[in-house]
Amino acid sequence: MEFKQILTGNLHNEFIEDKIDLIRLDERRKKEEINKKLKGGEHCFRIADNWYRLNMGYTNPLNCAKVHAELLLMEGLSKKDKLDMINLVKDKEFIFYGVGVGDTEIVPINWALDYKSPEVYITGIDVNREFLENFIIALKNKLIESPKSKIFYRAYHSLFEQINKKDLNSNLLKVHFCLGNTIGNFDNQDEVFKMFSNLSQKEDLLVLGIQLNRKLDMLFEKYKDNSLFQKFILNYVDKNEKVNLNWNLDKKNGIISAKYNDVEVFRTKKYNENKLKQDLEKNDFKLLKQWIDQDENACIQIYKKIK
């Protein structure tokens, strides 16, 4: 798919290629239920409003001690660190694996605009089309603030696994962003790391936003007693149906999970930053920079593809 410039009056359909839809998502979910296998985390994001509501205030378990912990970590970088980041990402295409609410995703775009980059190229990938559409509104708002800039956008309404190198074809080096502990939603971590490696070329950057495993017991309580999170996970269940999630904490592997009708419907992995570094090194990424917030909850890691 080719980039298209964000302009006043653009239609959303001009920017978005559909590789998945609700019908296929539901068919995938039902097949996994029948086989009693782990369901992919994508089913949780079928209804955009549930995720928007979960991110209002202090209701999201990704927060610890403060609201929007990852966003504050990125915005609170020192002047030197911010300058370093601007120099790293300038003149590169931004690829966002999961757009969601789009709050933290705006921060690196601000970095590029602070550099006064005349053109910014952005690729969004998300299983929910509404997130990709609403991100266009956010980008138009940025143009109002920076009228001399040009923003080019393309988006794939897609599972991550449906994306290939051809979809990401451009002449630019790339920064692959996967924020909000999104990588923690995947059962097979090796597959996620290999995906980033396969979709990257030498000198590309990978920016990961993760939640650390320092306070697993506390985080577990935030998930299992959170009615908004239950609604988010079981969005496909009739609202009049009585539901009972069976939550589990695997401290050894840093995994919080929940089962419904004997099917694991949700999981999230929390990370040891040093172990994650080792895993990424096996896939030809070198850690360049890392920041951890003062609550030892949110962590941002910057890698470079070296082969």
C-alpha atoms as a PDB file:
ATOM      1  CA  MET A   1       0.000   0.000   0.000  1.00  0.00           C
ATOM      2  CA  GLU A   2       1.270   3.464  -0.875  1.00  0.00           C
ATOM      3  CA  PHE A   3       1.505   6.388   1.543  1.00  0.00           C
ATOM      4  CA  LYS A   4      -1.023   9.177   1.172  1.00  0.00           C
ATOM      5  CA  GLN A   5      -0.632  12.682   2.493  1.00  0.00           C
ATOM      6  CA  ILE A   6      -2.882  13.710   5.369  1.00  0.00           C
ATOM      7  CA  LEU A   7      -4.967  16.653   4.164  1.00  0.00           C
ATOM      8  CA  THR A   8      -8.180  18.369   5.219  1.00  0.00           C
ATOM      9  CA  GLY A   9     -11.092  16.469   3.733  1.00  0.00           C
ATOM     10  CA  ASN A  10      -9.306  13.109   3.390  1.00  0.00           C
ATOM     11  CA  LEU A  11     -11.580  10.073   3.658  1.00  0.00           C
ATOM     12  CA  HIS A  12     -10.477   7.353   6.067  1.00  0.00           C
ATOM     13  CA  ASN A  13     -10.766   4.641   3.435  1.00  0.00           C
ATOM     14  CA  GLU A  14      -8.021   6.290   1.400  1.00  0.00           C
ATOM     15  CA  PHE A  15      -5.437   5.257   3.998  1.00  0.00           C
ATOM     16  CA  ILE A  16      -6.528   1.838   5.240  1.00  0.00           C
ATOM     17  CA  GLU A  17      -6.185  -1.615   3.709  1.00  0.00           C
ATOM     18  CA  ASP A  18      -8.362  -4.293   5.298  1.00  0.00           C
ATOM     19  CA  LYS A  19      -6.803  -7.701   5.879  1.00  0.00           C
ATOM     20  CA  ILE A  20      -9.203  -8.792   8.653  1.00  0.00           C
ATOM     21  CA  ASP A  21     -12.784  -8.088   9.725  1.00  0.00           C
ATOM     22  CA  LEU A  22     -15.119  -8.875  12.613  1.00  0.00           C
ATOM     23  CA  ILE A  23     -16.554 -11.924  10.870  1.00  0.00           C
ATOM     24  CA  ARG A  24     -13.138 -13.515  10.436  1.00  0.00           C
ATOM     25  CA  LEU A  25     -12.114 -12.532  13.960  1.00  0.00           C
ATOM     26  CA  ASP A  26     -15.198 -14.228  15.402  1.00  0.00           C
ATOM     27  CA  GLU A  27     -14.641 -17.324  13.258  1.00  0.00           C
ATOM     28  CA  ARG A  28     -11.062 -17.484  14.547  1.00  0.00           C
ATOM     29  CA  ARG A  29     -12.221 -17.101  18.160  1.00  0.00           C
ATOM     30  CA  LYS A  30     -14.904 -19.809  17.860  1.00  0.00           C
ATOM     31  CA  LYS A  31     -12.439 -22.225  16.279  1.00  0.00           C
ATOM     32  CA  GLU A  32     -10.028 -21.687  19.144  1.00  0.00           C
ATOM     33  CA  GLU A  33     -12.842 -22.212  21.666  1.00  0.00           C
ATOM     34  CA  ILE A  34     -13.767 -25.545  20.067  1.00  0.00           C
ATOM     35  CA  ASN A  35     -10.147 -26.697  20.125  1.00  0.00           C
ATOM     36  CA  LYS A  36      -9.729 -25.438  23.701  1.00  0.00           C
ATOM     37  CA  LYS A  37      -6.600 -23.605  22.649  1.00  0.00           C
ATOM     38  CA  LEU A  38      -5.220 -20.259  23.720  1.00  0.00           C
ATOM     39  CA  LYS A  39      -7.057 -17.442  22.035  1.00  0.00           C
ATOM     40  CA  GLY A  40      -5.032 -14.643  20.535  1.00  0.00           C
ATOM     41  CA  GLY A  41      -5.198 -11.335  22.383  1.00  0.00           C
ATOM     42  CA  GLU A  42      -6.736  -9.683  19.326  1.00  0.00           C
ATOM     43  CA  HIS A  43     -10.279 -10.697  20.334  1.00  0.00           C
ATOM     44  CA  CYS A  44     -10.101  -8.344  23.332  1.00  0.00           C
ATOM     45  CA  PHE A  45      -9.849  -5.319  21.022  1.00  0.00           C
ATOM     46  CA  ARG A  46     -12.976  -5.985  18.940  1.00  0.00           C
ATOM     47  CA  ILE A  47     -14.859  -3.089  20.549  1.00  0.00           C
ATOM     48  CA  ALA A  48     -12.846   0.139  20.592  1.00  0.00           C
ATOM     49  CA  ASP A  49     -14.966   1.856  23.256  1.00  0.00           C
ATOM     50  CA  ASN A  50     -14.043  -0.798  25.831  1.00  0.00           C
ATOM     51  CA  TRP A  51     -10.346  -0.006  25.425  1.00  0.00           C
ATOM     52  CA  TYR A  52     -10.956   3.743  25.429  1.00  0.00           C
ATOM     53  CA  ARG A  53     -12.948   3.415  28.673  1.00  0.00           C
ATOM     54  CA  LEU A  54     -10.300   1.227  30.306  1.00  0.00           C
ATOM     55  CA  ASN A  55      -7.686   3.904  29.591  1.00  0.00           C
ATOM     56  CA  MET A  56      -9.633   6.699  31.280  1.00  0.00           C
ATOM     57  CA  GLY A  57      -8.296   7.629  34.681  1.00  0.00           C
ATOM     58  CA  TYR A  58      -6.514   5.041  36.789  1.00  0.00           C
ATOM     59  CA  THR A  59      -8.442   1.968  35.664  1.00  0.00           C
ATOM     60  CA  ASN A  60      -5.806   0.341  33.434  1.00  0.00           C
ATOM     61  CA  PRO A  61      -3.505  -2.141  35.274  1.00  0.00           C
ATOM     62  CA  LEU A  62      -0.618  -0.950  33.080  1.00  0.00           C
ATOM     63  CA  ASN A  63      -0.464   2.068  35.359  1.00  0.00           C
ATOM     64  CA  CYS A  64       1.373   1.996  38.671  1.00  0.00           C
ATOM     65  CA  ALA A  65       1.448   4.959  41.091  1.00  0.00           C
ATOM     66  CA  LYS A  66       0.525   7.358  38.285  1.00  0.00           C
ATOM     67  CA  VAL A  67      -1.865   7.578  35.343  1.00  0.00           C
ATOM     68  CA  HIS A  68      -0.459   6.883  31.847  1.00  0.00           C
ATOM     69  CA  ALA A  69       2.876   5.704  33.224  1.00  0.00           C
ATOM     70  CA  GLU A  70       4.447   4.885  29.847  1.00  0.00           C
ATOM     71  CA  LEU A  71       3.377   8.191  28.312  1.00  0.00           C
ATOM     72  CA  LEU A  72       4.821  10.147  31.233  1.00  0.00           C
ATOM     73  CA  LEU A  73       8.076   8.198  30.982  1.00  0.00           C
ATOM     74  CA  MET A  74       8.445   9.094  27.303  1.00  0.00           C
ATOM     75  CA  GLU A  75       7.457  12.724  27.752  1.00  0.00           C
ATOM     76  CA  GLY A  76       9.657  13.117  30.827  1.00  0.00           C
ATOM     77  CA  LEU A  77      12.973  12.338  29.156  1.00  0.00           C
ATOM     78  CA  SER A  78      15.784  14.745  29.953  1.00  0.00           C
ATOM     79  CA  LYS A  79      16.710  17.344  27.360  1.00  0.00           C
ATOM     80  CA  LYS A  80      19.785  15.306  26.414  1.00  0.00           C
ATOM     81  CA  ASP A  81      17.847  12.035  26.124  1.00  0.00           C
ATOM     82  CA  LYS A  82      15.165  13.720  24.055  1.00  0.00           C
ATOM     83  CA  LEU A  83      17.814  15.135  21.712  1.00  0.00           C
ATOM     84  CA  ASP A  84      19.371  11.674  21.437  1.00  0.00           C
ATOM     85  CA  MET A  85      15.973  10.231  20.524  1.00  0.00           C
ATOM     86  CA  ILE A  86      15.337  12.939  17.931  1.00  0.00           C
ATOM     87  CA  ASN A  87      18.684  12.146  16.317  1.00  0.00           C
ATOM     88  CA  LEU A  88      17.886   8.422  16.327  1.00  0.00           C
ATOM     89  CA  VAL A  89      14.413   8.609  14.761  1.00  0.00           C
ATOM     90  CA  LYS A  90      14.771  11.581  12.416  1.00  0.00           C
ATOM     91  CA  ASP A  91      14.258  10.887   8.709  1.00  0.00           C
ATOM     92  CA  LYS A  92      12.930   7.388   9.383  1.00  0.00           C
ATOM     93  CA  GLU A  93       9.515   5.881   8.736  1.00  0.00           C
ATOM     94  CA  PHE A  94       7.475   5.157  11.876  1.00  0.00           C
ATOM     95  CA  ILE A  95       5.666   1.805  12.057  1.00  0.00           C
ATOM     96  CA  PHE A  96       3.238   1.353  14.936  1.00  0.00           C
ATOM     97  CA  TYR A  97       2.306  -2.222  15.831  1.00  0.00           C
ATOM     98  CA  GLY A  98      -0.956  -1.470  17.591  1.00  0.00           C
ATOM     99  CA  VAL A  99      -2.258   2.091  17.517  1.00  0.00           C
ATOM    100  CA  GLY A 100      -4.939   1.852  20.197  1.00  0.00           C
ATOM    101  CA  VAL A 101      -5.751   5.147  21.904  1.00  0.00           C
ATOM    102  CA  GLY A 102      -2.758   6.699  20.140  1.00  0.00           C
ATOM    103  CA  ASP A 103      -1.459   8.732  23.088  1.00  0.00           C
ATOM    104  CA  THR A 104       2.093   7.387  23.428  1.00  0.00           C
ATOM    105  CA  GLU A 105       2.338   7.048  19.637  1.00  0.00           C
ATOM    106  CA  ILE A 106       2.117  10.827  19.283  1.00  0.00           C
ATOM    107  CA  VAL A 107       5.274  11.360  21.361  1.00  0.00           C
ATOM    108  CA  PRO A 108       7.812  10.175  18.728  1.00  0.00           C
ATOM    109  CA  ILE A 109       5.873  12.112  16.090  1.00  0.00           C
ATOM    110  CA  ASN A 110       6.419  15.177  18.261  1.00  0.00           C
ATOM    111  CA  TRP A 111      10.127  14.301  18.337  1.00  0.00           C
ATOM    112  CA  ALA A 112      10.196  14.295  14.546  1.00  0.00           C
ATOM    113  CA  LEU A 113       8.297  17.578  14.332  1.00  0.00           C
ATOM    114  CA  ASP A 114      10.608  19.163  16.928  1.00  0.00           C
ATOM    115  CA  TYR A 115      13.454  18.304  14.580  1.00  0.00           C
ATOM    116  CA  LYS A 116      11.413  20.278  12.051  1.00  0.00           C
ATOM    117  CA  SER A 117      11.320  17.324   9.711  1.00  0.00           C
ATOM    118  CA  PRO A 118       9.450  18.558   6.629  1.00  0.00           C
ATOM    119  CA  GLU A 119       7.944  15.129   6.002  1.00  0.00           C
ATOM    120  CA  VAL A 120       6.925  12.363   8.417  1.00  0.00           C
ATOM    121  CA  TYR A 121       5.948   8.891   7.150  1.00  0.00           C
ATOM    122  CA  ILE A 122       3.762   6.727   9.395  1.00  0.00           C
ATOM    123  CA  THR A 123       2.417   3.171   9.061  1.00  0.00           C
ATOM    124  CA  GLY A 124      -0.245   2.000  11.493  1.00  0.00           C
ATOM    125  CA  ILE A 125      -1.165  -1.650  12.119  1.00  0.00           C
ATOM    126  CA  ASP A 126      -4.128  -2.605  14.291  1.00  0.00           C
ATOM    127  CA  VAL A 127      -6.808  -5.283  14.532  1.00  0.00           C
ATOM    128  CA  ASN A 128      -9.431  -2.590  15.180  1.00  0.00           C
ATOM    129  CA  ARG A 129     -10.194  -0.313  12.252  1.00  0.00           C
ATOM    130  CA  GLU A 130     -11.630   2.409  14.476  1.00  0.00           C
ATOM    131  CA  PHE A 131      -8.250   2.941  16.152  1.00  0.00           C
ATOM    132  CA  LEU A 132      -6.618   3.451  12.748  1.00  0.00           C
ATOM    133  CA  GLU A 133      -9.337   5.869  11.658  1.00  0.00           C
ATOM    134  CA  ASN A 134      -9.198   7.905  14.852  1.00  0.00           C
ATOM    135  CA  PHE A 135      -5.419   8.159  14.556  1.00  0.00           C
ATOM    136  CA  ILE A 136      -5.993  10.127  11.356  1.00  0.00           C
ATOM    137  CA  ILE A 137      -7.848  12.732  13.440  1.00  0.00           C
ATOM    138  CA  ALA A 138      -4.865  12.916  15.804  1.00  0.00           C
ATOM    139  CA  LEU A 139      -2.487  13.413  12.872  1.00  0.00           C
ATOM    140  CA  LYS A 140      -4.673  16.170  11.415  1.00  0.00           C
ATOM    141  CA  ASN A 141      -4.576  17.903  14.798  1.00  0.00           C
ATOM    142  CA  LYS A 142      -0.770  17.717  14.753  1.00  0.00           C
ATOM    143  CA  LEU A 143      -0.758  19.393  11.346  1.00  0.00           C
ATOM    144  CA  ILE A 144      -2.817  22.263  12.748  1.00  0.00           C
ATOM    145  CA  GLU A 145      -0.036  22.756  15.298  1.00  0.00           C
ATOM    146  CA  SER A 146       2.739  22.297  12.681  1.00  0.00           C
ATOM    147  CA  PRO A 147       1.268  23.677   9.422  1.00  0.00           C
ATOM    148  CA  LYS A 148       4.599  23.675   7.595  1.00  0.00           C
ATOM    149  CA  SER A 149       5.021  19.926   8.004  1.00  0.00           C
ATOM    150  CA  LYS A 150       3.720  17.130   5.820  1.00  0.00           C
ATOM    151  CA  ILE A 151       2.467  13.860   7.249  1.00  0.00           C
ATOM    152  CA  PHE A 152       2.079  10.761   5.073  1.00  0.00           C
ATOM    153  CA  TYR A 153       0.085   7.831   6.403  1.00  0.00           C
ATOM    154  CA  ARG A 154      -0.891   4.291   5.483  1.00  0.00           C
ATOM    155  CA  ALA A 155      -2.582   1.731   7.682  1.00  0.00           C
ATOM    156  CA  TYR A 156      -3.313  -1.977   7.763  1.00  0.00           C
ATOM    157  CA  HIS A 157      -6.432  -3.254   9.484  1.00  0.00           C
ATOM    158  CA  SER A 158      -4.703  -6.498  10.241  1.00  0.00           C
ATOM    159  CA  LEU A 159      -3.245  -9.023  12.626  1.00  0.00           C
ATOM    160  CA  PHE A 160       0.490  -8.550  13.068  1.00  0.00           C
ATOM    161  CA  GLU A 161       1.116 -11.992  11.595  1.00  0.00           C
ATOM    162  CA  GLN A 162      -0.590 -10.962   8.335  1.00  0.00           C
ATOM    163  CA  ILE A 163       1.999  -8.247   7.653  1.00  0.00           C
ATOM    164  CA  ASN A 164       4.916  -8.953   5.337  1.00  0.00           C
ATOM    165  CA  LYS A 165       7.909  -6.971   4.108  1.00  0.00           C
ATOM    166  CA  LYS A 166       6.095  -6.001   0.934  1.00  0.00           C
ATOM    167  CA  ASP A 167       3.435  -4.236   3.018  1.00  0.00           C
ATOM    168  CA  LEU A 168       6.173  -2.165   4.660  1.00  0.00           C
ATOM    169  CA  ASN A 169       8.044  -1.416   1.460  1.00  0.00           C
ATOM    170  CA  SER A 170       9.576   2.067   1.299  1.00  0.00           C
ATOM    171  CA  ASN A 171      12.962   3.646   0.652  1.00  0.00           C
ATOM    172  CA  LEU A 172      13.318   4.790   4.242  1.00  0.00           C
ATOM    173  CA  LEU A 173      14.958   3.181   7.239  1.00  0.00           C
ATOM    174  CA  LYS A 174      12.301   2.403   9.810  1.00  0.00           C
ATOM    175  CA  VAL A 175      11.517   2.687  13.494  1.00  0.00           C
ATOM    176  CA  HIS A 176       9.296  -0.218  14.561  1.00  0.00           C
ATOM    177  CA  PHE A 177       7.261   0.829  17.632  1.00  0.00           C
ATOM    178  CA  CYS A 178       5.427  -1.694  19.806  1.00  0.00           C
ATOM    179  CA  LEU A 179       4.291   0.134  22.930  1.00  0.00           C
ATOM    180  CA  GLY A 180       1.884  -0.457  25.804  1.00  0.00           C
ATOM    181  CA  ASN A 181       3.289  -3.904  26.673  1.00  0.00           C
ATOM    182  CA  THR A 182       1.614  -5.204  23.503  1.00  0.00           C
ATOM    183  CA  ILE A 183       4.259  -7.901  23.058  1.00  0.00           C
ATOM    184  CA  GLY A 184       3.148  -9.347  26.398  1.00  0.00           C
ATOM    185  CA  ASN A 185      -0.196 -10.404  24.850  1.00  0.00           C
ATOM    186  CA  PHE A 186       1.440 -13.142  22.789  1.00  0.00           C
ATOM    187  CA  ASP A 187       1.759 -16.738  23.966  1.00  0.00           C
ATOM    188  CA  ASN A 188       4.761 -17.546  21.783  1.00  0.00           C
ATOM    189  CA  GLN A 189       7.306 -14.855  22.538  1.00  0.00           C
ATOM    190  CA  ASP A 190       9.917 -16.299  20.174  1.00  0.00           C
ATOM    191  CA  GLU A 191       7.506 -15.853  17.256  1.00  0.00           C
ATOM    192  CA  VAL A 192       7.011 -12.177  18.109  1.00  0.00           C
ATOM    193  CA  PHE A 193      10.747 -11.530  18.242  1.00  0.00           C
ATOM    194  CA  LYS A 194      11.271 -13.381  14.953  1.00  0.00           C
ATOM    195  CA  MET A 195       8.483 -11.332  13.385  1.00  0.00           C
ATOM    196  CA  PHE A 196      10.240  -8.072  14.277  1.00  0.00           C
ATOM    197  CA  SER A 197      13.510  -9.479  12.960  1.00  0.00           C
ATOM    198  CA  ASN A 198      11.949 -10.662   9.693  1.00  0.00           C
ATOM    199  CA  LEU A 199      10.168  -7.339   9.081  1.00  0.00           C
ATOM    200  CA  SER A 200      13.277  -5.264   9.829  1.00  0.00           C
ATOM    201  CA  GLN A 201      16.361  -4.540   7.815  1.00  0.00           C
ATOM    202  CA  LYS A 202      19.849  -3.736   9.030  1.00  0.00           C
ATOM    203  CA  GLU A 203      20.026  -0.338  10.823  1.00  0.00           C
ATOM    204  CA  ASP A 204      16.269  -0.245  11.509  1.00  0.00           C
ATOM    205  CA  LEU A 205      15.271   0.593  15.090  1.00  0.00           C
ATOM    206  CA  LEU A 206      12.864  -1.272  17.373  1.00  0.00           C
ATOM    207  CA  VAL A 207      11.221   0.630  20.250  1.00  0.00           C
ATOM    208  CA  LEU A 208       9.477  -1.498  22.876  1.00  0.00           C
ATOM    209  CA  GLY A 209       7.273  -0.235  25.693  1.00  0.00           C
ATOM    210  CA  ILE A 210       6.997  -2.926  28.380  1.00  0.00           C
ATOM    211  CA  GLN A 211       5.692  -3.376  31.899  1.00  0.00           C
ATOM    212  CA  LEU A 212       8.221  -4.803  34.338  1.00  0.00           C
ATOM    213  CA  ASN A 213       7.701  -7.834  36.563  1.00  0.00           C
ATOM    214  CA  ARG A 214       8.808  -6.162  39.812  1.00  0.00           C
ATOM    215  CA  LYS A 215       5.339  -6.051  41.434  1.00  0.00           C
ATOM    216  CA  LEU A 216       3.505  -9.080  40.094  1.00  0.00           C
ATOM    217  CA  ASP A 217       1.333  -9.727  43.160  1.00  0.00           C
ATOM    218  CA  MET A 218      -0.014  -6.183  43.131  1.00  0.00           C
ATOM    219  CA  LEU A 219      -0.580  -6.217  39.369  1.00  0.00           C
ATOM    220  CA  PHE A 220      -2.415  -9.528  39.628  1.00  0.00           C
ATOM    221  CA  GLU A 221      -4.905  -7.967  42.048  1.00  0.00           C
ATOM    222  CA  LYS A 222      -5.448  -5.054  39.664  1.00  0.00           C
ATOM    223  CA  TYR A 223      -6.407  -7.419  36.855  1.00  0.00           C
ATOM    224  CA  LYS A 224      -8.542  -9.984  38.630  1.00  0.00           C
ATOM    225  CA  ASP A 225     -10.795  -7.550  40.501  1.00  0.00           C
ATOM    226  CA  ASN A 226     -11.244  -5.141  37.582  1.00  0.00           C
ATOM    227  CA  SER A 227     -14.800  -5.291  36.162  1.00  0.00           C
ATOM    228  CA  LEU A 228     -13.804  -3.036  33.255  1.00  0.00           C
ATOM    229  CA  PHE A 229     -11.078  -5.465  32.290  1.00  0.00           C
ATOM    230  CA  GLN A 230     -13.527  -8.370  32.410  1.00  0.00           C
ATOM    231  CA  LYS A 231     -15.813  -6.455  30.044  1.00  0.00           C
ATOM    232  CA  PHE A 232     -12.834  -5.751  27.792  1.00  0.00           C
ATOM    233  CA  ILE A 233     -11.859  -9.441  27.608  1.00  0.00           C
ATOM    234  CA  LEU A 234     -15.367 -10.912  27.287  1.00  0.00           C
ATOM    235  CA  ASN A 235     -16.761  -8.317  24.879  1.00  0.00           C
ATOM    236  CA  TYR A 236     -18.360 -11.094  22.793  1.00  0.00           C
ATOM    237  CA  VAL A 237     -20.399 -12.555  25.691  1.00  0.00           C
ATOM    238  CA  ASP A 238     -24.035 -11.511  26.123  1.00  0.00           C
ATOM    239  CA  LYS A 239     -24.187  -8.792  28.780  1.00  0.00           C
ATOM    240  CA  ASN A 240     -26.957 -10.670  30.615  1.00  0.00           C
ATOM    241  CA  GLU A 241     -24.874 -13.823  30.912  1.00  0.00           C
ATOM    242  CA  LYS A 242     -23.262 -14.436  34.276  1.00  0.00           C
ATOM    243  CA  VAL A 243     -19.536 -14.846  33.783  1.00  0.00           C
ATOM    244  CA  ASN A 244     -16.759 -16.099  35.992  1.00  0.00           C
ATOM    245  CA  LEU A 245     -13.143 -15.637  35.004  1.00  0.00           C
ATOM    246  CA  ASN A 246     -10.587 -17.964  36.561  1.00  0.00           C
ATOM    247  CA  TRP A 247      -7.424 -15.924  37.051  1.00  0.00           C
ATOM    248  CA  ASN A 248      -3.910 -17.335  37.422  1.00  0.00           C
ATOM    249  CA  LEU A 249      -0.518 -15.887  38.295  1.00  0.00           C
ATOM    250  CA  ASP A 250       2.626 -17.604  36.997  1.00  0.00           C
ATOM    251  CA  LYS A 251       5.355 -15.826  38.958  1.00  0.00           C
ATOM    252  CA  LYS A 252       8.210 -17.774  37.414  1.00  0.00           C
ATOM    253  CA  ASN A 253       7.398 -16.587  33.891  1.00  0.00           C
ATOM    254  CA  GLY A 254       5.772 -13.283  34.849  1.00  0.00           C
ATOM    255  CA  ILE A 255       2.433 -14.218  33.276  1.00  0.00           C
ATOM    256  CA  ILE A 256      -1.043 -13.166  34.393  1.00  0.00           C
ATOM    257  CA  SER A 257      -3.816 -15.101  32.627  1.00  0.00           C
ATOM    258  CA  ALA A 258      -7.556 -15.763  32.786  1.00  0.00           C
ATOM    259  CA  LYS A 259      -9.738 -18.667  31.666  1.00  0.00           C
ATOM    260  CA  TYR A 260     -13.404 -18.669  30.684  1.00  0.00           C
ATOM    261  CA  ASN A 261     -15.177 -21.985  30.085  1.00  0.00           C
ATOM    262  CA  ASP A 262     -11.788 -23.736  30.356  1.00  0.00           C
ATOM    263  CA  VAL A 263     -10.330 -21.654  27.511  1.00  0.00           C
ATOM    264  CA  GLU A 264      -7.549 -19.187  28.226  1.00  0.00           C
ATOM    265  CA  VAL A 265      -9.077 -15.938  26.991  1.00  0.00           C
ATOM    266  CA  PHE A 266      -6.413 -13.522  28.208  1.00  0.00           C
ATOM    267  CA  ARG A 267      -2.750 -13.420  29.076  1.00  0.00           C
ATOM    268  CA  THR A 268      -0.189 -10.733  29.665  1.00  0.00           C
ATOM    269  CA  LYS A 269       3.503 -11.211  30.290  1.00  0.00           C
ATOM    270  CA  LYS A 270       5.510  -8.811  32.447  1.00  0.00           C
ATOM    271  CA  TYR A 271       9.212  -8.564  31.785  1.00  0.00           C
ATOM    272  CA  ASN A 272      12.651  -8.614  33.259  1.00  0.00           C
ATOM    273  CA  GLU A 273      14.394  -6.036  31.108  1.00  0.00           C
ATOM    274  CA  ASN A 274      17.710  -7.921  31.071  1.00  0.00           C
ATOM    275  CA  LYS A 275      16.103 -11.201  29.992  1.00  0.00           C
ATOM    276  CA  LEU A 276      14.212  -9.384  27.235  1.00  0.00           C
ATOM    277  CA  LYS A 277      17.496  -7.848  26.054  1.00  0.00           C
ATOM    278  CA  GLN A 278      19.007 -11.339  25.789  1.00  0.00           C
ATOM    279  CA  ASP A 279      16.012 -12.601  23.788  1.00  0.00           C
ATOM    280  CA  LEU A 280      16.238  -9.701  21.340  1.00  0.00           C
ATOM    281  CA  GLU A 281      19.989 -10.176  20.955  1.00  0.00           C
ATOM    282  CA  LYS A 282      19.306 -13.706  19.707  1.00  0.00           C
ATOM    283  CA  ASN A 283      17.296 -12.102  16.899  1.00  0.00           C
ATOM    284  CA  ASP A 284      20.067  -9.701  15.822  1.00  0.00           C
ATOM    285  CA  PHE A 285      18.984  -6.635  17.797  1.00  0.00           C
ATOM    286  CA  LYS A 286      21.385  -4.571  19.919  1.00  0.00           C
ATOM    287  CA  LEU A 287      20.117  -2.509  22.853  1.00  0.00           C
ATOM    288  CA  LEU A 288      20.997   1.174  22.412  1.00  0.00           C
ATOM    289  CA  LYS A 289      19.084   2.896  25.210  1.00  0.00           C
ATOM    290  CA  GLN A 290      16.727   2.082  28.040  1.00  0.00           C
ATOM    291  CA  TRP A 291      14.636   4.073  30.495  1.00  0.00           C
ATOM    292  CA  ILE A 292      12.732   2.820  33.568  1.00  0.00           C
ATOM    293  CA  ASP A 293      10.343   5.048  35.505  1.00  0.00           C
ATOM    294  CA  GLN A 294      10.903   5.752  39.192  1.00  0.00           C
ATOM    295  CA  ASP A 295       8.144   3.299  40.170  1.00  0.00           C
ATOM    296  CA  GLU A 296       9.986   0.480  38.368  1.00  0.00           C
ATOM    297  CA  ASN A 297       6.865  -0.227  36.354  1.00  0.00           C
ATOM    298  CA  ALA A 298       7.159   1.205  32.830  1.00  0.00           C
ATOM    299  CA  CYS A 299      10.240   0.627  30.673  1.00  0.00           C
ATOM    300  CA  ILE A 300      11.201   1.840  27.199  1.00  0.00           C
ATOM    301  CA  GLN A 301      13.927  -0.004  25.272  1.00  0.00           C
ATOM    302  CA  ILE A 302      15.518   1.103  21.979  1.00  0.00           C
ATOM    303  CA  TYR A 303      17.200  -1.532  19.792  1.00  0.00           C
ATOM    304  CA  LYS A 304      19.038  -1.452  16.475  1.00  0.00           C
ATOM    305  CA  LYS A 305      18.942  -4.283  13.942  1.00  0.00           C
ATOM    306  CA  ILE A 306      22.593  -5.212  13.401  1.00  0.00           C
ATOM    307  CA  LYS A 307      22.321  -7.866  10.674  1.00  0.00           C
END
